[in-house]
Amino acid sequence: MQRLQELIVEADGGSRGNPGPAGYGAVVLDPTTGETLAERAEYIGVATNNVAEYRGLVAGLKAAKELAPDASIRVRMDSKLVVEQMSGRWKIKHPDMKPLAAEAARIFPLGQVRYEWIPREKNKLADRLANEAMDAGKRGRQWEPSASRAALAEDTRAARVVGDAAVGAAKARAALAGAAVPGAAQAPAPAPAQAPAPAAPPMGWGAADLGAPATFVLLRHGETALTPEKRFSGSGGSDPELSAAGERQADAVAAALAARGTIQEIVSSPLRRCRQTAAVVGKRLGLDVQIDDGLRETDFGAWEGLTFAEVRERYGDDLDAWLASPKAAPTGGESFASVARRVSATRDRLTSEYRGRTVLLVTHVTPIKTLVRLALGAPPEAVFRMELSAASLSAVAYYADGNASVRLLNDTSHLR
């Protein structure tokens, strides 16, 4: 059976005395965006560091299974002992750790979990949760998600919602669907009332679909000679190739995507700059590149190769009309309304084909902005209010019930 997705579990545990007052922390992360999907922490009384670390591992794996039982799990811990023992390279001798290791091994089927050692400084979120749990225990209390500030430190890379947002979403969706959620208090049934008017499909947390989405990681191609000069470069011009800078950008984004290890398919615009960028990434990831004409850039007609100022000088009336309405086309070119119809049809086809998979779409400014705009339900003029750098990454997840979630926009951290 194909894995629907990958999740990252980071876990840690600590003991103030070893043995002494101990606690653990664990987080489940989205590997594409770094978003915190779930977090767990607990004060466990007097125990050793290693026992606390194992308890954190068990809690993190259980949280991941609640979110996606079919997911491929990557566990990252700064405990060499736990990583080596759970990987089967070291024997487990301590009587307190054997049952915990066995419990961790039973949560997911064999081969579905892989372990990776990371330095302590890269495991700070789980470490802070463990310390929060120990601090709560010192006060005679247990850790509570609503009080957590573990991910609010300035060195944390991913934004998060305080508390367990994933569980909250599950409860909200299940409530709307009339289903019971384990551990959730059931509200009394409302009194009969007059049937309401048909409502629009629920959005966001109110969405009914909990299945794995089709996740599109949107990569704008690397620079061409036209990019730094901000010249119109669509599908009706010279089809330029990557510049030397663009080739370097393609190498950098390929390395970043390889490190994430989440891309399962690659689909590219037919234009040369995208095919070149996609080829570099595909070679690094060991994936073939599929070409889809629906991902091509807008045809800018007579404006191809010109700067904005040059278009203003030569085609001022057409430019004013284009800026005022998505139905207006560049002189002899393609309107944004036409592009939106093309991109929407391509989106629907690809989301159906790649349900539950993470796909890299190598494309252009207008298709990426259009996908983001449509996912947000923003008006057409929103395309003029987004910045998309060359070789930047964005991401949108599409669920089977029609809902979409924008997870990333214009990430260029891999180019720094």
Protein backbone atom coordinates (compact mmCIF):
# COMPACT_ATOMS: atom_id res chain seq x y z
CA MET A 1 0.00 0.00 0.00
CA GLN A 2 1.33 3.45 -0.87
CA ARG A 3 2.19 5.76 1.97
CA LEU A 4 -0.21 8.66 1.96
CA GLN A 5 2.35 11.13 3.33
CA GLU A 6 5.35 11.59 5.57
CA LEU A 7 5.38 13.05 9.07
CA ILE A 8 8.32 14.07 11.24
CA VAL A 9 8.37 13.22 14.94
CA GLU A 10 10.83 15.03 17.21
CA ALA A 11 11.03 13.83 20.82
CA ASP A 12 13.11 14.43 23.91
CA GLY A 13 13.10 13.72 27.63
CA GLY A 14 14.96 14.95 30.65
CA SER A 15 15.59 14.22 34.31
CA ARG A 16 16.77 16.71 36.93
CA GLY A 17 18.97 14.36 38.90
CA ASN A 18 19.08 11.25 36.67
CA PRO A 19 17.15 9.70 38.27
CA GLY A 20 15.11 12.64 39.44
CA PRO A 21 11.99 14.64 38.52
CA ALA A 22 11.51 13.88 34.82
CA GLY A 23 9.39 14.85 31.87
CA TYR A 24 9.19 14.46 28.11
CA GLY A 25 8.20 16.49 25.07
CA ALA A 26 7.27 15.48 21.51
CA VAL A 27 6.08 17.24 18.37
CA VAL A 28 4.72 16.07 15.03
CA LEU A 29 5.76 18.29 12.11
CA ASP A 30 4.69 18.75 8.51
CA PRO A 31 7.90 18.01 6.56
CA THR A 32 6.96 20.40 3.75
CA THR A 33 6.30 23.52 5.79
CA GLY A 34 7.71 22.75 9.23
CA GLU A 35 4.26 23.46 10.72
CA THR A 36 3.59 21.90 14.13
CA LEU A 37 0.66 19.47 13.73
CA ALA A 38 0.60 18.06 17.27
CA GLU A 39 2.56 18.33 20.49
CA ARG A 40 2.73 16.22 23.62
CA ALA A 41 4.42 16.72 26.99
CA GLU A 42 4.07 15.17 30.45
CA TYR A 43 5.67 15.22 33.88
CA ILE A 44 6.32 11.54 34.74
CA GLY A 45 7.69 11.72 38.29
CA VAL A 46 11.09 10.31 39.22
CA ALA A 47 12.84 8.59 36.30
CA THR A 48 16.10 8.55 34.34
CA ASN A 49 16.89 10.61 31.25
CA ASN A 50 16.68 7.56 29.01
CA VAL A 51 13.30 6.47 30.31
CA ALA A 52 11.98 10.00 29.78
CA GLU A 53 13.35 9.99 26.22
CA TYR A 54 11.62 6.71 25.46
CA ARG A 55 8.37 8.01 26.94
CA GLY A 56 8.66 11.03 24.64
CA LEU A 57 9.21 8.76 21.65
CA VAL A 58 6.12 6.68 22.47
CA ALA A 59 3.99 9.81 22.89
CA GLY A 60 5.23 11.31 19.62
CA LEU A 61 4.57 8.13 17.65
CA LYS A 62 1.08 7.81 19.11
CA ALA A 63 0.32 11.43 18.17
CA ALA A 64 1.52 10.78 14.61
CA LYS A 65 -0.64 7.67 14.33
CA GLU A 66 -3.71 9.64 15.42
CA LEU A 67 -3.04 12.08 12.58
CA ALA A 68 -2.14 9.63 9.79
CA PRO A 69 -1.84 5.89 10.54
CA ASP A 70 -0.59 5.17 7.02
CA ALA A 71 2.10 7.84 7.02
CA SER A 72 5.80 7.22 6.67
CA ILE A 73 7.40 8.43 9.91
CA ARG A 74 10.82 10.04 10.31
CA VAL A 75 11.85 10.22 13.98
CA ARG A 76 14.52 12.76 14.89
CA MET A 77 16.06 12.67 18.37
CA ASP A 78 19.26 13.87 20.00
CA SER A 79 19.48 10.64 22.05
CA LYS A 80 22.06 8.45 20.34
CA LEU A 81 21.03 5.60 22.62
CA VAL A 82 17.37 5.62 21.63
CA VAL A 83 18.11 6.09 17.93
CA GLU A 84 20.63 3.25 17.79
CA GLN A 85 18.51 0.89 19.89
CA MET A 86 15.30 1.52 17.94
CA SER A 87 17.24 1.15 14.67
CA GLY A 88 18.32 -2.31 15.85
CA ARG A 89 22.03 -1.56 15.97
CA TRP A 90 22.40 -1.56 19.76
CA LYS A 91 20.96 -4.05 22.24
CA ILE A 92 18.49 -2.92 24.89
CA LYS A 93 19.68 -4.15 28.28
CA HIS A 94 18.05 -1.86 30.84
CA PRO A 95 14.85 -3.44 32.28
CA ASP A 96 13.04 -0.07 32.43
CA MET A 97 13.62 0.63 28.74
CA LYS A 98 12.78 -2.77 27.22
CA PRO A 99 8.99 -2.48 27.61
CA LEU A 100 9.02 1.13 26.39
CA ALA A 101 11.05 0.20 23.30
CA ALA A 102 8.67 -2.69 22.61
CA GLU A 103 5.68 -0.36 22.98
CA ALA A 104 7.23 2.14 20.55
CA ALA A 105 7.92 -0.62 18.03
CA ARG A 106 4.27 -1.76 18.07
CA ILE A 107 2.73 1.61 17.22
CA PHE A 108 3.56 1.48 13.50
CA PRO A 109 4.31 -1.58 11.32
CA LEU A 110 7.94 -2.57 10.90
CA GLY A 111 9.63 -0.52 8.20
CA GLN A 112 7.21 2.39 8.40
CA VAL A 113 9.42 4.31 10.86
CA ARG A 114 13.03 5.38 10.40
CA TYR A 115 15.27 7.00 13.00
CA GLU A 116 17.71 9.86 12.64
CA TRP A 117 20.07 11.36 15.21
CA ILE A 118 20.22 15.16 15.32
CA PRO A 119 22.30 17.52 17.48
CA ARG A 120 20.61 18.82 20.60
CA GLU A 121 20.45 22.37 19.24
CA LYS A 122 18.20 21.11 16.42
CA ASN A 123 15.81 19.43 18.85
CA LYS A 124 15.00 22.55 20.86
CA LEU A 125 11.22 22.46 20.51
CA ALA A 126 10.87 18.97 22.03
CA ASP A 127 13.50 19.88 24.65
CA ARG A 128 11.55 22.97 25.69
CA LEU A 129 8.34 20.98 25.95
CA ALA A 130 10.10 18.47 28.20
CA ASN A 131 11.35 21.31 30.40
CA GLU A 132 7.89 22.87 30.50
CA ALA A 133 6.56 19.52 31.71
CA MET A 134 9.21 19.32 34.43
CA ASP A 135 8.52 22.91 35.47
CA ALA A 136 4.82 22.10 35.76
CA GLY A 137 5.64 19.03 37.85
CA LYS A 138 7.72 21.16 40.19
CA ARG A 139 4.59 23.26 40.81
CA GLY A 140 2.54 20.14 41.46
CA ARG A 141 0.74 20.39 38.11
CA GLN A 142 0.70 18.71 34.73
CA TRP A 143 1.68 20.40 31.47
CA GLU A 144 -1.18 21.97 29.52
CA PRO A 145 -1.05 22.76 25.77
CA SER A 146 -2.71 26.15 26.24
CA ALA A 147 0.17 27.28 28.47
CA SER A 148 2.94 26.17 26.13
CA ARG A 149 5.38 28.77 24.85
CA ALA A 150 7.92 26.28 23.52
CA ALA A 151 7.67 27.35 19.88
CA LEU A 152 7.54 31.07 20.50
CA ALA A 153 11.31 31.50 20.86
CA GLU A 154 12.94 33.48 18.08
CA ASP A 155 15.09 30.57 16.90
CA THR A 156 12.06 28.41 16.09
CA ARG A 157 11.70 28.13 12.32
CA ALA A 158 8.03 27.17 11.98
CA ALA A 159 4.97 29.12 12.99
CA ARG A 160 2.57 27.23 15.24
CA VAL A 161 -0.79 27.53 16.93
CA VAL A 162 -0.64 27.15 20.71
CA GLY A 163 -2.26 23.84 21.63
CA ASP A 164 -3.03 20.87 19.43
CA ALA A 165 -4.49 22.46 16.31
CA ALA A 166 -4.80 19.15 14.46
CA VAL A 167 -6.95 17.59 17.17
CA GLY A 168 -9.03 20.75 17.37
CA ALA A 169 -9.62 20.59 13.63
CA ALA A 170 -10.57 16.92 13.83
CA LYS A 171 -13.08 17.61 16.59
CA ALA A 172 -14.62 20.53 14.71
CA ARG A 173 -14.93 18.58 11.49
CA ALA A 174 -16.31 15.50 13.22
CA ALA A 175 -18.86 17.61 15.07
CA LEU A 176 -20.07 19.09 11.80
CA ALA A 177 -20.30 15.62 10.31
CA GLY A 178 -22.22 14.33 13.35
CA ALA A 179 -19.46 11.90 14.35
CA ALA A 180 -18.13 11.28 17.84
CA VAL A 181 -14.51 12.04 18.58
CA PRO A 182 -12.77 9.90 21.22
CA GLY A 183 -12.11 11.99 24.30
CA ALA A 184 -14.38 14.84 23.21
CA ALA A 185 -17.35 15.86 25.30
CA GLN A 186 -20.61 15.33 23.43
CA ALA A 187 -22.99 18.29 23.41
CA PRO A 188 -26.72 17.59 23.96
CA ALA A 189 -28.80 17.30 20.81
CA PRO A 190 -30.42 20.59 19.83
CA ALA A 191 -34.17 20.96 19.80
CA PRO A 192 -35.88 20.39 16.45
CA ALA A 193 -35.92 23.52 14.35
CA GLN A 194 -37.03 24.65 10.97
CA ALA A 195 -34.74 23.33 8.24
CA PRO A 196 -32.13 25.99 7.41
CA ALA A 197 -31.38 27.20 3.93
CA PRO A 198 -28.65 25.23 2.10
CA ALA A 199 -25.23 26.33 3.34
CA ALA A 200 -21.99 26.73 1.47
CA PRO A 201 -19.45 23.88 1.86
CA PRO A 202 -17.62 24.20 5.19
CA MET A 203 -14.18 25.77 4.98
CA GLY A 204 -10.98 25.49 7.02
CA TRP A 205 -11.50 23.63 10.28
CA GLY A 206 -15.10 23.04 9.29
CA ALA A 207 -14.11 20.92 6.30
CA ALA A 208 -15.39 17.35 6.43
CA ASP A 209 -12.52 15.64 4.62
CA LEU A 210 -9.73 14.29 6.86
CA GLY A 211 -7.94 12.27 4.19
CA ALA A 212 -4.42 12.93 3.00
CA PRO A 213 -4.38 15.85 0.55
CA ALA A 214 -2.66 16.26 -2.77
CA THR A 215 0.13 18.66 -1.84
CA PHE A 216 1.57 20.84 -4.58
CA VAL A 217 4.99 22.31 -3.83
CA LEU A 218 5.16 25.22 -6.27
CA LEU A 219 8.61 26.07 -7.59
CA ARG A 220 9.16 29.12 -9.74
CA HIS A 221 11.95 28.48 -12.25
CA GLY A 222 15.42 29.93 -11.78
CA GLU A 223 16.52 33.24 -13.29
CA THR A 224 16.95 33.90 -17.00
CA ALA A 225 18.68 36.90 -18.55
CA LEU A 226 15.28 38.68 -18.55
CA THR A 227 14.52 38.14 -14.84
CA PRO A 228 16.79 40.76 -13.21
CA GLU A 229 15.58 43.38 -15.69
CA LYS A 230 11.93 42.59 -14.83
CA ARG A 231 10.96 42.11 -18.45
CA PHE A 232 7.70 40.42 -19.45
CA SER A 233 8.59 36.81 -20.18
CA GLY A 234 5.67 34.54 -20.93
CA SER A 235 4.85 31.71 -23.29
CA GLY A 236 4.68 33.87 -26.41
CA GLY A 237 8.26 35.12 -26.50
CA SER A 238 11.77 33.80 -27.04
CA ASP A 239 11.59 30.97 -24.45
CA PRO A 240 14.87 31.95 -22.72
CA GLU A 241 17.12 29.45 -20.95
CA LEU A 242 18.45 29.67 -17.41
CA SER A 243 21.28 32.10 -16.80
CA ALA A 244 24.34 31.09 -14.78
CA ALA A 245 22.61 32.52 -11.71
CA GLY A 246 19.49 30.52 -12.53
CA GLU A 247 21.52 27.32 -12.76
CA ARG A 248 22.99 27.99 -9.32
CA GLN A 249 19.50 28.60 -7.97
CA ALA A 250 18.28 25.31 -9.45
CA ASP A 251 21.16 23.48 -7.73
CA ALA A 252 20.33 25.14 -4.41
CA VAL A 253 16.63 24.34 -4.50
CA ALA A 254 17.39 20.76 -5.57
CA ALA A 255 19.62 20.32 -2.52
CA ALA A 256 16.95 21.79 -0.23
CA LEU A 257 14.23 19.51 -1.60
CA ALA A 258 16.51 16.49 -1.34
CA ALA A 259 17.12 17.32 2.33
CA ARG A 260 13.37 17.49 2.98
CA GLY A 261 12.83 14.16 1.25
CA THR A 262 9.11 14.69 0.63
CA ILE A 263 8.73 15.12 -3.13
CA GLN A 264 7.22 12.07 -4.84
CA GLU A 265 6.50 13.38 -8.35
CA ILE A 266 7.67 16.26 -10.56
CA VAL A 267 5.52 18.02 -13.16
CA SER A 268 6.85 20.94 -15.21
CA SER A 269 5.73 23.66 -17.57
CA PRO A 270 6.89 22.97 -21.14
CA LEU A 271 8.94 26.19 -21.29
CA ARG A 272 12.71 25.76 -21.34
CA ARG A 273 13.52 27.58 -18.09
CA CYS A 274 11.14 25.33 -16.17
CA ARG A 275 12.27 22.14 -17.88
CA GLN A 276 15.89 22.99 -17.06
CA THR A 277 15.07 23.74 -13.41
CA ALA A 278 12.97 20.58 -13.13
CA ALA A 279 15.70 18.46 -14.70
CA VAL A 280 18.23 19.57 -12.08
CA VAL A 281 15.81 18.74 -9.26
CA GLY A 282 14.74 15.47 -10.87
CA LYS A 283 18.33 14.31 -11.24
CA ARG A 284 19.04 15.09 -7.58
CA LEU A 285 15.88 13.32 -6.38
CA GLY A 286 16.03 10.41 -8.83
CA LEU A 287 12.61 11.28 -10.29
CA ASP A 288 11.38 11.61 -13.87
CA VAL A 289 9.84 14.90 -14.97
CA GLN A 290 6.37 14.99 -16.51
CA ILE A 291 5.44 17.92 -18.78
CA ASP A 292 2.04 19.60 -18.54
CA ASP A 293 1.08 22.39 -20.94
CA GLY A 294 -1.44 23.74 -18.41
CA LEU A 295 1.45 25.03 -16.28
CA ARG A 296 2.85 27.37 -18.94
CA GLU A 297 3.13 31.10 -18.28
CA THR A 298 0.73 33.74 -19.61
CA ASP A 299 1.21 34.69 -23.25
CA PHE A 300 2.06 38.40 -22.99
CA GLY A 301 1.75 38.94 -26.75
CA ALA A 302 3.43 42.12 -28.01
CA TRP A 303 4.72 42.86 -24.50
CA GLU A 304 7.11 39.90 -24.48
CA GLY A 305 10.66 41.02 -23.67
CA LEU A 306 9.63 44.57 -22.73
CA THR A 307 9.88 46.29 -19.36
CA PHE A 308 6.83 47.77 -17.68
CA ALA A 309 8.00 51.26 -18.60
CA GLU A 310 8.40 50.27 -22.26
CA VAL A 311 4.90 48.77 -22.31
CA ARG A 312 3.54 51.95 -20.71
CA GLU A 313 5.16 54.02 -23.44
CA ARG A 314 4.08 51.87 -26.39
CA TYR A 315 0.78 50.30 -25.28
CA GLY A 316 -0.46 52.63 -22.54
CA ASP A 317 -4.21 52.15 -23.10
CA ASP A 318 -3.90 48.36 -23.26
CA LEU A 319 -1.81 48.38 -20.08
CA ASP A 320 -4.40 50.47 -18.22
CA ALA A 321 -7.15 48.08 -19.27
CA TRP A 322 -5.05 45.07 -18.24
CA LEU A 323 -4.39 46.53 -14.79
CA ALA A 324 -8.09 47.32 -14.34
CA SER A 325 -9.65 44.00 -15.37
CA PRO A 326 -8.59 40.33 -15.40
CA LYS A 327 -10.58 39.94 -18.62
CA ALA A 328 -8.34 42.38 -20.50
CA ALA A 329 -5.42 40.82 -22.35
CA PRO A 330 -1.96 42.18 -23.11
CA THR A 331 -1.73 43.42 -26.69
CA GLY A 332 -2.23 40.25 -28.75
CA GLY A 333 -1.83 38.05 -25.65
CA GLU A 334 -3.76 36.09 -23.00
CA SER A 335 -5.87 37.55 -20.19
CA PHE A 336 -5.51 36.56 -16.55
CA ALA A 337 -9.09 35.29 -16.68
CA SER A 338 -8.09 32.84 -19.42
CA VAL A 339 -5.02 31.81 -17.45
CA ALA A 340 -7.18 31.21 -14.36
CA ARG A 341 -9.49 28.89 -16.32
CA ARG A 342 -6.51 26.96 -17.71
CA VAL A 343 -4.76 26.70 -14.35
CA SER A 344 -7.97 25.69 -12.56
CA ALA A 345 -8.56 22.84 -15.01
CA THR A 346 -4.94 21.74 -14.62
CA ARG A 347 -5.23 21.89 -10.83
CA ASP A 348 -8.38 19.74 -10.83
CA ARG A 349 -6.82 17.16 -13.12
CA LEU A 350 -3.57 16.93 -11.16
CA THR A 351 -5.21 16.82 -7.73
CA SER A 352 -7.31 13.89 -8.90
CA GLU A 353 -4.29 12.11 -10.37
CA TYR A 354 -2.00 12.70 -7.38
CA ARG A 355 -4.41 12.37 -4.45
CA GLY A 356 -2.46 11.80 -1.23
CA ARG A 357 0.93 12.55 -2.80
CA THR A 358 3.39 15.44 -2.67
CA VAL A 359 4.10 16.81 -6.13
CA LEU A 360 6.60 19.45 -7.22
CA LEU A 361 5.10 21.74 -9.87
CA VAL A 362 7.83 23.68 -11.65
CA THR A 363 6.11 26.64 -13.22
CA HIS A 364 5.90 30.44 -13.45
CA VAL A 365 4.77 33.55 -11.61
CA THR A 366 1.20 33.75 -12.92
CA PRO A 367 0.23 30.07 -12.47
CA ILE A 368 1.65 30.03 -8.92
CA LYS A 369 -0.06 33.27 -7.93
CA THR A 370 -3.29 32.00 -9.47
CA LEU A 371 -3.19 28.74 -7.52
CA VAL A 372 -2.54 30.62 -4.27
CA ARG A 373 -5.24 33.21 -5.04
CA LEU A 374 -7.84 30.56 -5.78
CA ALA A 375 -6.91 28.57 -2.67
CA LEU A 376 -7.42 31.68 -0.54
CA GLY A 377 -10.61 32.72 -2.30
CA ALA A 378 -8.97 36.08 -3.04
CA PRO A 379 -10.10 38.40 -5.86
CA PRO A 380 -8.22 38.50 -9.19
CA GLU A 381 -6.37 41.70 -8.30
CA ALA A 382 -4.60 39.76 -5.54
CA VAL A 383 -2.08 38.56 -8.15
CA PHE A 384 -0.63 42.08 -8.17
CA ARG A 385 -0.06 41.93 -4.39
CA MET A 386 2.16 38.87 -4.11
CA GLU A 387 5.92 38.69 -4.47
CA LEU A 388 7.38 35.56 -6.09
CA SER A 389 11.15 35.45 -6.38
CA ALA A 390 13.04 33.30 -8.86
CA ALA A 391 13.51 29.73 -7.56
CA SER A 392 11.13 30.39 -4.65
CA LEU A 393 8.97 27.68 -3.09
CA SER A 394 5.28 27.89 -2.20
CA ALA A 395 2.89 25.09 -1.22
CA VAL A 396 -0.85 24.40 -1.33
CA ALA A 397 -2.63 21.27 -0.07
CA TYR A 398 -5.87 20.16 -1.74
CA TYR A 399 -8.39 17.93 0.03
CA ALA A 400 -10.92 15.60 -1.56
CA ASP A 401 -13.85 17.72 -0.33
CA GLY A 402 -12.65 20.70 -2.36
CA ASN A 403 -10.99 22.63 0.44
CA ALA A 404 -7.46 23.97 0.06
CA SER A 405 -4.81 25.12 2.52
CA VAL A 406 -1.95 27.49 1.64
CA ARG A 407 1.07 26.25 3.59
CA LEU A 408 3.97 28.26 2.20
CA LEU A 409 4.58 31.33 0.05
CA ASN A 410 7.77 32.64 -1.59
CA ASP A 411 10.26 30.73 0.56
CA THR A 412 13.80 31.60 -0.57
CA SER A 413 15.70 30.44 2.51
CA HIS A 414 17.55 27.84 0.41
CA LEU A 415 19.12 30.65 -1.66
CA ARG A 416 20.76 32.45 1.27
